[in-house]
Amino acid sequence: MEELLNILTELHPDVDFETEDRLVDGKILDSFDIVTLVAEINDAYGVAIPAEELVPENFNSAEALYDLICRLEEE
């Protein structure tokens, strides 16, 4: 989770990613941020996020995103 928080903080240093739960719905993350995140997650965790998982629910919080990463690592 720490690695993910570092990635997110590099994108938006002014956001508290440990508590924010409306990253997409609150328009904190935009489509360019999502593309960057997908690439960074692939590099850091070795998981590819498939297109069907690119939904706001998976990107609205660091916790949801980390749950997605863990789920994909298990597959």
PDB file of N, CA and C in Angstrom:
ATOM      1  N   MET A   1       0.831  -1.198   0.000  1.00  0.00           N
ATOM      2  CA  MET A   1       0.000   0.000   0.000  1.00  0.00           C
ATOM      3  C   MET A   1       0.872   1.256   0.000  1.00  0.00           C
ATOM      4  N   GLU A   2       2.005   1.197   0.680  1.00  0.00           N
ATOM      5  CA  GLU A   2       2.886   2.363   0.750  1.00  0.00           C
ATOM      6  C   GLU A   2       3.364   2.782  -0.638  1.00  0.00           C
ATOM      7  N   GLU A   3       3.712   1.800  -1.451  1.00  0.00           N
ATOM      8  CA  GLU A   3       4.154   2.087  -2.823  1.00  0.00           C
ATOM      9  C   GLU A   3       3.043   2.797  -3.602  1.00  0.00           C
ATOM     10  N   LEU A   4       1.817   2.322  -3.468  1.00  0.00           N
ATOM     11  CA  LEU A   4       0.681   2.945  -4.144  1.00  0.00           C
ATOM     12  C   LEU A   4       0.486   4.380  -3.662  1.00  0.00           C
ATOM     13  N   LEU A   5       0.566   4.603  -2.372  1.00  0.00           N
ATOM     14  CA  LEU A   5       0.417   5.961  -1.838  1.00  0.00           C
ATOM     15  C   LEU A   5       1.508   6.881  -2.373  1.00  0.00           C
ATOM     16  N   ASN A   6       2.716   6.360  -2.532  1.00  0.00           N
ATOM     17  CA  ASN A   6       3.799   7.153  -3.118  1.00  0.00           C
ATOM     18  C   ASN A   6       3.483   7.538  -4.562  1.00  0.00           C
ATOM     19  N   ILE A   7       2.964   6.592  -5.331  1.00  0.00           N
ATOM     20  CA  ILE A   7       2.609   6.845  -6.727  1.00  0.00           C
ATOM     21  C   ILE A   7       1.529   7.926  -6.791  1.00  0.00           C
ATOM     22  N   LEU A   8       0.505   7.779  -5.974  1.00  0.00           N
ATOM     23  CA  LEU A   8      -0.592   8.746  -5.962  1.00  0.00           C
ATOM     24  C   LEU A   8      -0.112  10.132  -5.530  1.00  0.00           C
ATOM     25  N   THR A   9       0.737  10.174  -4.526  1.00  0.00           N
ATOM     26  CA  THR A   9       1.238  11.450  -4.018  1.00  0.00           C
ATOM     27  C   THR A   9       2.088  12.168  -5.059  1.00  0.00           C
ATOM     28  N   GLU A  10       2.803  11.411  -5.876  1.00  0.00           N
ATOM     29  CA  GLU A  10       3.575  12.030  -6.957  1.00  0.00           C
ATOM     30  C   GLU A  10       2.649  12.725  -7.953  1.00  0.00           C
ATOM     31  N   LEU A  11       1.474  12.163  -8.168  1.00  0.00           N
ATOM     32  CA  LEU A  11       0.506  12.771  -9.095  1.00  0.00           C
ATOM     33  C   LEU A  11      -0.109  14.035  -8.509  1.00  0.00           C
ATOM     34  N   HIS A  12      -0.514  13.961  -7.247  1.00  0.00           N
ATOM     35  CA  HIS A  12      -1.204  15.076  -6.581  1.00  0.00           C
ATOM     36  C   HIS A  12      -0.711  15.193  -5.136  1.00  0.00           C
ATOM     37  N   PRO A  13       0.393  15.903  -4.923  1.00  0.00           N
ATOM     38  CA  PRO A  13       0.960  15.993  -3.573  1.00  0.00           C
ATOM     39  C   PRO A  13       0.052  16.671  -2.549  1.00  0.00           C
ATOM     40  N   ASP A  14      -0.938  17.410  -3.006  1.00  0.00           N
ATOM     41  CA  ASP A  14      -1.814  18.165  -2.107  1.00  0.00           C
ATOM     42  C   ASP A  14      -3.013  17.366  -1.593  1.00  0.00           C
ATOM     43  N   VAL A  15      -3.163  16.114  -2.006  1.00  0.00           N
ATOM     44  CA  VAL A  15      -4.330  15.303  -1.637  1.00  0.00           C
ATOM     45  C   VAL A  15      -3.949  14.294  -0.556  1.00  0.00           C
ATOM     46  N   ASP A  16      -4.822  14.121   0.434  1.00  0.00           N
ATOM     47  CA  ASP A  16      -4.632  13.104   1.461  1.00  0.00           C
ATOM     48  C   ASP A  16      -5.264  11.803   0.969  1.00  0.00           C
ATOM     49  N   PHE A  17      -4.460  10.978   0.346  1.00  0.00           N
ATOM     50  CA  PHE A  17      -4.965   9.754  -0.269  1.00  0.00           C
ATOM     51  C   PHE A  17      -5.345   8.688   0.755  1.00  0.00           C
ATOM     52  N   GLU A  18      -4.950   8.859   1.988  1.00  0.00           N
ATOM     53  CA  GLU A  18      -5.320   7.882   3.010  1.00  0.00           C
ATOM     54  C   GLU A  18      -6.772   8.046   3.451  1.00  0.00           C
ATOM     55  N   THR A  19      -7.346   9.229   3.240  1.00  0.00           N
ATOM     56  CA  THR A  19      -8.731   9.458   3.668  1.00  0.00           C
ATOM     57  C   THR A  19      -9.680   9.787   2.521  1.00  0.00           C
ATOM     58  N   GLU A  20      -9.176  10.278   1.413  1.00  0.00           N
ATOM     59  CA  GLU A  20     -10.035  10.695   0.294  1.00  0.00           C
ATOM     60  C   GLU A  20     -10.695   9.471  -0.347  1.00  0.00           C
ATOM     61  N   ASP A  21     -12.020   9.544  -0.539  1.00  0.00           N
ATOM     62  CA  ASP A  21     -12.738   8.411  -1.145  1.00  0.00           C
ATOM     63  C   ASP A  21     -13.596   8.832  -2.334  1.00  0.00           C
ATOM     64  N   ARG A  22     -13.267   9.988  -2.915  1.00  0.00           N
ATOM     65  CA  ARG A  22     -13.982  10.455  -4.107  1.00  0.00           C
ATOM     66  C   ARG A  22     -12.978  10.985  -5.134  1.00  0.00           C
ATOM     67  N   LEU A  23     -11.955  10.169  -5.390  1.00  0.00           N
ATOM     68  CA  LEU A  23     -10.893  10.616  -6.287  1.00  0.00           C
ATOM     69  C   LEU A  23     -11.385  10.854  -7.711  1.00  0.00           C
ATOM     70  N   VAL A  24     -12.218   9.976  -8.195  1.00  0.00           N
ATOM     71  CA  VAL A  24     -12.763  10.139  -9.550  1.00  0.00           C
ATOM     72  C   VAL A  24     -14.040  10.977  -9.485  1.00  0.00           C
ATOM     73  N   ASP A  25     -14.948  10.600  -8.601  1.00  0.00           N
ATOM     74  CA  ASP A  25     -16.218  11.321  -8.501  1.00  0.00           C
ATOM     75  C   ASP A  25     -16.012  12.790  -8.133  1.00  0.00           C
ATOM     76  N   GLY A  26     -14.981  13.077  -7.352  1.00  0.00           N
ATOM     77  CA  GLY A  26     -14.671  14.447  -6.962  1.00  0.00           C
ATOM     78  C   GLY A  26     -13.771  15.163  -7.949  1.00  0.00           C
ATOM     79  N   LYS A  27     -13.490  14.502  -9.064  1.00  0.00           N
ATOM     80  CA  LYS A  27     -12.670  15.049 -10.152  1.00  0.00           C
ATOM     81  C   LYS A  27     -11.247  15.407  -9.716  1.00  0.00           C
ATOM     82  N   ILE A  28     -10.727  14.662  -8.735  1.00  0.00           N
ATOM     83  CA  ILE A  28      -9.330  14.821  -8.328  1.00  0.00           C
ATOM     84  C   ILE A  28      -8.437  14.118  -9.342  1.00  0.00           C
ATOM     85  N   LEU A  29      -8.842  12.919  -9.740  1.00  0.00           N
ATOM     86  CA  LEU A  29      -8.120  12.189 -10.778  1.00  0.00           C
ATOM     87  C   LEU A  29      -8.859  12.341 -12.099  1.00  0.00           C
ATOM     88  N   ASP A  30      -8.112  12.686 -13.150  1.00  0.00           N
ATOM     89  CA  ASP A  30      -8.711  12.763 -14.477  1.00  0.00           C
ATOM     90  C   ASP A  30      -8.223  11.588 -15.321  1.00  0.00           C
ATOM     91  N   SER A  31      -8.621  11.553 -16.575  1.00  0.00           N
ATOM     92  CA  SER A  31      -8.287  10.413 -17.429  1.00  0.00           C
ATOM     93  C   SER A  31      -6.786  10.259 -17.629  1.00  0.00           C
ATOM     94  N   PHE A  32      -6.057  11.363 -17.693  1.00  0.00           N
ATOM     95  CA  PHE A  32      -4.604  11.279 -17.837  1.00  0.00           C
ATOM     96  C   PHE A  32      -3.969  10.690 -16.581  1.00  0.00           C
ATOM     97  N   ASP A  33      -4.503  11.048 -15.421  1.00  0.00           N
ATOM     98  CA  ASP A  33      -4.018  10.473 -14.162  1.00  0.00           C
ATOM     99  C   ASP A  33      -4.255   8.960 -14.134  1.00  0.00           C
ATOM    100  N   ILE A  34      -5.408   8.542 -14.613  1.00  0.00           N
ATOM    101  CA  ILE A  34      -5.737   7.110 -14.619  1.00  0.00           C
ATOM    102  C   ILE A  34      -4.766   6.349 -15.511  1.00  0.00           C
ATOM    103  N   VAL A  35      -4.487   6.889 -16.692  1.00  0.00           N
ATOM    104  CA  VAL A  35      -3.535   6.245 -17.609  1.00  0.00           C
ATOM    105  C   VAL A  35      -2.163   6.142 -16.945  1.00  0.00           C
ATOM    106  N   THR A  36      -1.736   7.216 -16.312  1.00  0.00           N
ATOM    107  CA  THR A  36      -0.453   7.213 -15.608  1.00  0.00           C
ATOM    108  C   THR A  36      -0.451   6.180 -14.490  1.00  0.00           C
ATOM    109  N   LEU A  37      -1.535   6.142 -13.717  1.00  0.00           N
ATOM    110  CA  LEU A  37      -1.645   5.175 -12.622  1.00  0.00           C
ATOM    111  C   LEU A  37      -1.560   3.733 -13.116  1.00  0.00           C
ATOM    112  N   VAL A  38      -2.263   3.434 -14.184  1.00  0.00           N
ATOM    113  CA  VAL A  38      -2.258   2.080 -14.734  1.00  0.00           C
ATOM    114  C   VAL A  38      -0.832   1.672 -15.109  1.00  0.00           C
ATOM    115  N   ALA A  39      -0.102   2.573 -15.751  1.00  0.00           N
ATOM    116  CA  ALA A  39       1.280   2.280 -16.143  1.00  0.00           C
ATOM    117  C   ALA A  39       2.184   2.124 -14.922  1.00  0.00           C
ATOM    118  N   GLU A  40       2.041   3.019 -13.960  1.00  0.00           N
ATOM    119  CA  GLU A  40       2.873   2.965 -12.747  1.00  0.00           C
ATOM    120  C   GLU A  40       2.579   1.711 -11.924  1.00  0.00           C
ATOM    121  N   ILE A  41       1.311   1.326 -11.848  1.00  0.00           N
ATOM    122  CA  ILE A  41       0.932   0.113 -11.116  1.00  0.00           C
ATOM    123  C   ILE A  41       1.496  -1.115 -11.804  1.00  0.00           C
ATOM    124  N   ASN A  42       1.457  -1.115 -13.120  1.00  0.00           N
ATOM    125  CA  ASN A  42       2.031  -2.226 -13.883  1.00  0.00           C
ATOM    126  C   ASN A  42       3.514  -2.351 -13.574  1.00  0.00           C
ATOM    127  N   ASP A  43       4.225  -1.236 -13.564  1.00  0.00           N
ATOM    128  CA  ASP A  43       5.662  -1.249 -13.274  1.00  0.00           C
ATOM    129  C   ASP A  43       5.944  -1.672 -11.835  1.00  0.00           C
ATOM    130  N   ALA A  44       5.209  -1.107 -10.886  1.00  0.00           N
ATOM    131  CA  ALA A  44       5.490  -1.336  -9.467  1.00  0.00           C
ATOM    132  C   ALA A  44       5.025  -2.701  -8.965  1.00  0.00           C
ATOM    133  N   TYR A  45       3.872  -3.145  -9.459  1.00  0.00           N
ATOM    134  CA  TYR A  45       3.273  -4.373  -8.929  1.00  0.00           C
ATOM    135  C   TYR A  45       3.264  -5.531  -9.923  1.00  0.00           C
ATOM    136  N   GLY A  46       3.585  -5.253 -11.180  1.00  0.00           N
ATOM    137  CA  GLY A  46       3.597  -6.311 -12.184  1.00  0.00           C
ATOM    138  C   GLY A  46       2.219  -6.827 -12.547  1.00  0.00           C
ATOM    139  N   VAL A  47       1.196  -5.974 -12.389  1.00  0.00           N
ATOM    140  CA  VAL A  47      -0.158  -6.374 -12.770  1.00  0.00           C
ATOM    141  C   VAL A  47      -0.679  -5.435 -13.858  1.00  0.00           C
ATOM    142  N   ALA A  48      -1.369  -6.013 -14.799  1.00  0.00           N
ATOM    143  CA  ALA A  48      -2.017  -5.233 -15.850  1.00  0.00           C
ATOM    144  C   ALA A  48      -3.485  -5.075 -15.465  1.00  0.00           C
ATOM    145  N   ILE A  49      -3.965  -3.854 -15.498  1.00  0.00           N
ATOM    146  CA  ILE A  49      -5.370  -3.604 -15.173  1.00  0.00           C
ATOM    147  C   ILE A  49      -6.173  -3.671 -16.468  1.00  0.00           C
ATOM    148  N   PRO A  50      -7.054  -4.673 -16.583  1.00  0.00           N
ATOM    149  CA  PRO A  50      -7.835  -4.811 -17.812  1.00  0.00           C
ATOM    150  C   PRO A  50      -8.881  -3.698 -17.949  1.00  0.00           C
ATOM    151  N   ALA A  51      -9.285  -3.456 -19.182  1.00  0.00           N
ATOM    152  CA  ALA A  51     -10.219  -2.364 -19.481  1.00  0.00           C
ATOM    153  C   ALA A  51     -11.506  -2.456 -18.664  1.00  0.00           C
ATOM    154  N   GLU A  52     -12.012  -3.652 -18.429  1.00  0.00           N
ATOM    155  CA  GLU A  52     -13.273  -3.787 -17.692  1.00  0.00           C
ATOM    156  C   GLU A  52     -13.146  -3.380 -16.228  1.00  0.00           C
ATOM    157  N   GLU A  53     -11.922  -3.258 -15.730  1.00  0.00           N
ATOM    158  CA  GLU A  53     -11.700  -2.820 -14.348  1.00  0.00           C
ATOM    159  C   GLU A  53     -11.493  -1.308 -14.243  1.00  0.00           C
ATOM    160  N   LEU A  54     -11.481  -0.605 -15.368  1.00  0.00           N
ATOM    161  CA  LEU A  54     -11.285   0.848 -15.383  1.00  0.00           C
ATOM    162  C   LEU A  54     -12.612   1.556 -15.132  1.00  0.00           C
ATOM    163  N   VAL A  55     -13.132   1.352 -13.922  1.00  0.00           N
ATOM    164  CA  VAL A  55     -14.400   1.959 -13.516  1.00  0.00           C
ATOM    165  C   VAL A  55     -14.146   2.834 -12.285  1.00  0.00           C
ATOM    166  N   PRO A  56     -14.945   3.880 -12.094  1.00  0.00           N
ATOM    167  CA  PRO A  56     -14.715   4.794 -10.968  1.00  0.00           C
ATOM    168  C   PRO A  56     -14.618   4.102  -9.609  1.00  0.00           C
ATOM    169  N   GLU A  57     -15.410   3.066  -9.397  1.00  0.00           N
ATOM    170  CA  GLU A  57     -15.402   2.382  -8.107  1.00  0.00           C
ATOM    171  C   GLU A  57     -14.009   1.878  -7.736  1.00  0.00           C
ATOM    172  N   ASN A  58     -13.231   1.481  -8.725  1.00  0.00           N
ATOM    173  CA  ASN A  58     -11.892   0.952  -8.466  1.00  0.00           C
ATOM    174  C   ASN A  58     -10.847   2.046  -8.260  1.00  0.00           C
ATOM    175  N   PHE A  59     -11.179   3.279  -8.597  1.00  0.00           N
ATOM    176  CA  PHE A  59     -10.209   4.370  -8.546  1.00  0.00           C
ATOM    177  C   PHE A  59     -10.628   5.516  -7.623  1.00  0.00           C
ATOM    178  N   ASN A  60     -11.729   5.373  -6.906  1.00  0.00           N
ATOM    179  CA  ASN A  60     -12.223   6.454  -6.048  1.00  0.00           C
ATOM    180  C   ASN A  60     -11.424   6.614  -4.761  1.00  0.00           C
ATOM    181  N   SER A  61     -10.688   5.590  -4.363  1.00  0.00           N
ATOM    182  CA  SER A  61      -9.866   5.698  -3.152  1.00  0.00           C
ATOM    183  C   SER A  61      -8.625   4.835  -3.315  1.00  0.00           C
ATOM    184  N   ALA A  62      -7.609   5.162  -2.537  1.00  0.00           N
ATOM    185  CA  ALA A  62      -6.389   4.353  -2.553  1.00  0.00           C
ATOM    186  C   ALA A  62      -6.706   2.933  -2.093  1.00  0.00           C
ATOM    187  N   GLU A  63      -7.599   2.819  -1.122  1.00  0.00           N
ATOM    188  CA  GLU A  63      -7.973   1.491  -0.608  1.00  0.00           C
ATOM    189  C   GLU A  63      -8.637   0.640  -1.693  1.00  0.00           C
ATOM    190  N   ALA A  64      -9.558   1.227  -2.443  1.00  0.00           N
ATOM    191  CA  ALA A  64     -10.224   0.490  -3.522  1.00  0.00           C
ATOM    192  C   ALA A  64      -9.217   0.090  -4.595  1.00  0.00           C
ATOM    193  N   LEU A  65      -8.311   0.977  -4.894  1.00  0.00           N
ATOM    194  CA  LEU A  65      -7.299   0.692  -5.910  1.00  0.00           C
ATOM    195  C   LEU A  65      -6.359  -0.412  -5.428  1.00  0.00           C
ATOM    196  N   TYR A  66      -5.996  -0.364  -4.159  1.00  0.00           N
ATOM    197  CA  TYR A  66      -5.130  -1.399  -3.606  1.00  0.00           C
ATOM    198  C   TYR A  66      -5.846  -2.751  -3.580  1.00  0.00           C
ATOM    199  N   ASP A  67      -7.130  -2.748  -3.274  1.00  0.00           N
ATOM    200  CA  ASP A  67      -7.917  -3.994  -3.318  1.00  0.00           C
ATOM    201  C   ASP A  67      -7.910  -4.578  -4.725  1.00  0.00           C
ATOM    202  N   LEU A  68      -8.049  -3.716  -5.725  1.00  0.00           N
ATOM    203  CA  LEU A  68      -8.003  -4.160  -7.124  1.00  0.00           C
ATOM    204  C   LEU A  68      -6.648  -4.783  -7.433  1.00  0.00           C
ATOM    205  N   ILE A  69      -5.576  -4.130  -7.025  1.00  0.00           N
ATOM    206  CA  ILE A  69      -4.231  -4.652  -7.277  1.00  0.00           C
ATOM    207  C   ILE A  69      -4.065  -6.025  -6.636  1.00  0.00           C
ATOM    208  N   CYS A  70      -4.480  -6.158  -5.388  1.00  0.00           N
ATOM    209  CA  CYS A  70      -4.370  -7.443  -4.688  1.00  0.00           C
ATOM    210  C   CYS A  70      -5.180  -8.533  -5.386  1.00  0.00           C
ATOM    211  N   ARG A  71      -6.375  -8.181  -5.818  1.00  0.00           N
ATOM    212  CA  ARG A  71      -7.221  -9.144  -6.531  1.00  0.00           C
ATOM    213  C   ARG A  71      -6.572  -9.585  -7.831  1.00  0.00           C
ATOM    214  N   LEU A  72      -5.978  -8.650  -8.571  1.00  0.00           N
ATOM    215  CA  LEU A  72      -5.332  -8.979  -9.835  1.00  0.00           C
ATOM    216  C   LEU A  72      -4.047  -9.787  -9.614  1.00  0.00           C
ATOM    217  N   GLU A  73      -3.358  -9.545  -8.508  1.00  0.00           N
ATOM    218  CA  GLU A  73      -2.148 -10.314  -8.212  1.00  0.00           C
ATOM    219  C   GLU A  73      -2.483 -11.768  -7.936  1.00  0.00           C
ATOM    220  N   GLU A  74      -3.662 -12.015  -7.384  1.00  0.00           N
ATOM    221  CA  GLU A  74      -4.070 -13.381  -7.059  1.00  0.00           C
ATOM    222  C   GLU A  74      -4.474 -14.184  -8.288  1.00  0.00           C
ATOM    223  N   GLU A  75      -4.853 -13.499  -9.350  1.00  0.00           N
ATOM    224  CA  GLU A  75      -5.321 -14.197 -10.563  1.00  0.00           C
ATOM    225  C   GLU A  75      -4.168 -14.806 -11.331  1.00  0.00           C
TER     226      GLU A  75
END
